[in-house]
Amino acid sequence: MENSQKRKSLPGVAAGFDSVTGKIRRFVSDTMAELGRCTWPNRQQLFESTVLVVVAIAVLAIFVAGVDWIAGLLIRWITLG
């Protein structure tokens, strides 16, 4: 007998896992267990990563602004002569 057939024949709590709410509960339970096994960064690592992201965003913003400014100059030069 397959697992799905066994579950359908089981009354009570075991059969509840086949319902939508049972599947949601199982998903949340499995997710919480998996999050417990994760290694989380300490404060220093988190700070360093945050600084790196902010600096990278600033550099990218400056680059995009520079390209926009140069493109604007070229367009003005081409259209206005």
Protein backbone atom coordinates (compact mmCIF):
# COMPACT_ATOMS: atom_id res chain seq x y z
CA MET A 1 0.00 0.00 0.00
CA GLU A 2 1.36 3.45 -0.92
CA ASN A 3 1.99 6.16 1.66
CA SER A 4 -0.85 8.33 0.36
CA GLN A 5 -3.28 5.42 0.69
CA LYS A 6 -2.06 4.70 4.22
CA ARG A 7 -2.52 8.33 5.24
CA LYS A 8 -6.06 8.48 3.89
CA SER A 9 -7.04 5.48 5.92
CA LEU A 10 -5.61 6.87 9.18
CA PRO A 11 -8.11 8.71 11.37
CA GLY A 12 -7.46 11.78 13.51
CA VAL A 13 -4.21 13.74 13.64
CA ALA A 14 -2.33 11.73 10.99
CA ALA A 15 -5.10 12.36 8.48
CA GLY A 16 -4.92 16.08 9.31
CA PHE A 17 -1.54 16.31 7.58
CA ASP A 18 -3.31 15.64 4.30
CA SER A 19 -5.49 18.68 4.77
CA VAL A 20 -4.37 22.15 3.73
CA THR A 21 -3.92 23.38 7.29
CA GLY A 22 -1.98 20.25 8.15
CA LYS A 23 0.36 20.84 5.23
CA ILE A 24 0.85 24.45 6.30
CA ARG A 25 1.62 23.39 9.87
CA ARG A 26 4.10 20.82 8.63
CA PHE A 27 5.77 23.39 6.36
CA VAL A 28 6.09 25.89 9.22
CA SER A 29 7.41 23.20 11.55
CA ASP A 30 10.00 22.03 9.00
CA THR A 31 10.99 25.63 8.28
CA MET A 32 11.51 26.40 11.97
CA ALA A 33 13.63 23.25 12.37
CA GLU A 34 15.74 24.19 9.34
CA LEU A 35 16.25 27.75 10.62
CA GLY A 36 17.48 26.27 13.90
CA ARG A 37 20.21 24.42 12.01
CA CYS A 38 21.44 27.54 10.18
CA THR A 39 24.55 29.39 11.24
CA TRP A 40 23.81 33.07 11.73
CA PRO A 41 26.37 35.89 11.41
CA ASN A 42 27.62 37.58 14.54
CA ARG A 43 27.37 41.36 15.04
CA GLN A 44 30.79 42.06 13.51
CA GLN A 45 30.08 40.04 10.36
CA LEU A 46 26.66 41.64 10.00
CA PHE A 47 28.14 45.14 10.37
CA GLU A 48 30.87 44.44 7.82
CA SER A 49 28.37 43.04 5.32
CA THR A 50 26.08 46.03 5.80
CA VAL A 51 28.92 48.50 5.24
CA LEU A 52 29.98 46.59 2.13
CA VAL A 53 26.45 46.72 0.69
CA VAL A 54 26.07 50.45 1.42
CA VAL A 55 29.44 51.24 -0.18
CA ALA A 56 28.63 49.10 -3.23
CA ILE A 57 25.29 50.86 -3.66
CA ALA A 58 26.96 54.28 -3.35
CA VAL A 59 29.61 53.37 -5.96
CA LEU A 60 26.95 52.05 -8.32
CA ALA A 61 24.83 55.18 -7.83
CA ILE A 62 27.80 57.43 -8.63
CA PHE A 63 28.57 55.35 -11.73
CA VAL A 64 24.98 55.52 -12.99
CA ALA A 65 24.84 59.27 -12.32
CA GLY A 66 28.10 59.74 -14.26
CA VAL A 67 26.87 57.72 -17.22
CA ASP A 68 23.59 59.68 -17.17
CA TRP A 69 25.45 63.00 -17.10
CA ILE A 70 27.72 61.99 -19.98
CA ALA A 71 24.76 60.67 -22.00
CA GLY A 72 22.93 63.96 -21.38
CA LEU A 73 25.94 65.95 -22.64
CA LEU A 74 26.23 63.78 -25.75
CA ILE A 75 22.53 64.09 -26.53
CA ARG A 76 22.65 67.88 -26.10
CA TRP A 77 25.76 68.08 -28.30
CA ILE A 78 24.12 65.95 -31.03
CA THR A 79 20.73 67.69 -30.97
CA LEU A 80 21.82 71.29 -30.39
CA GLY A 81 25.07 71.12 -32.30
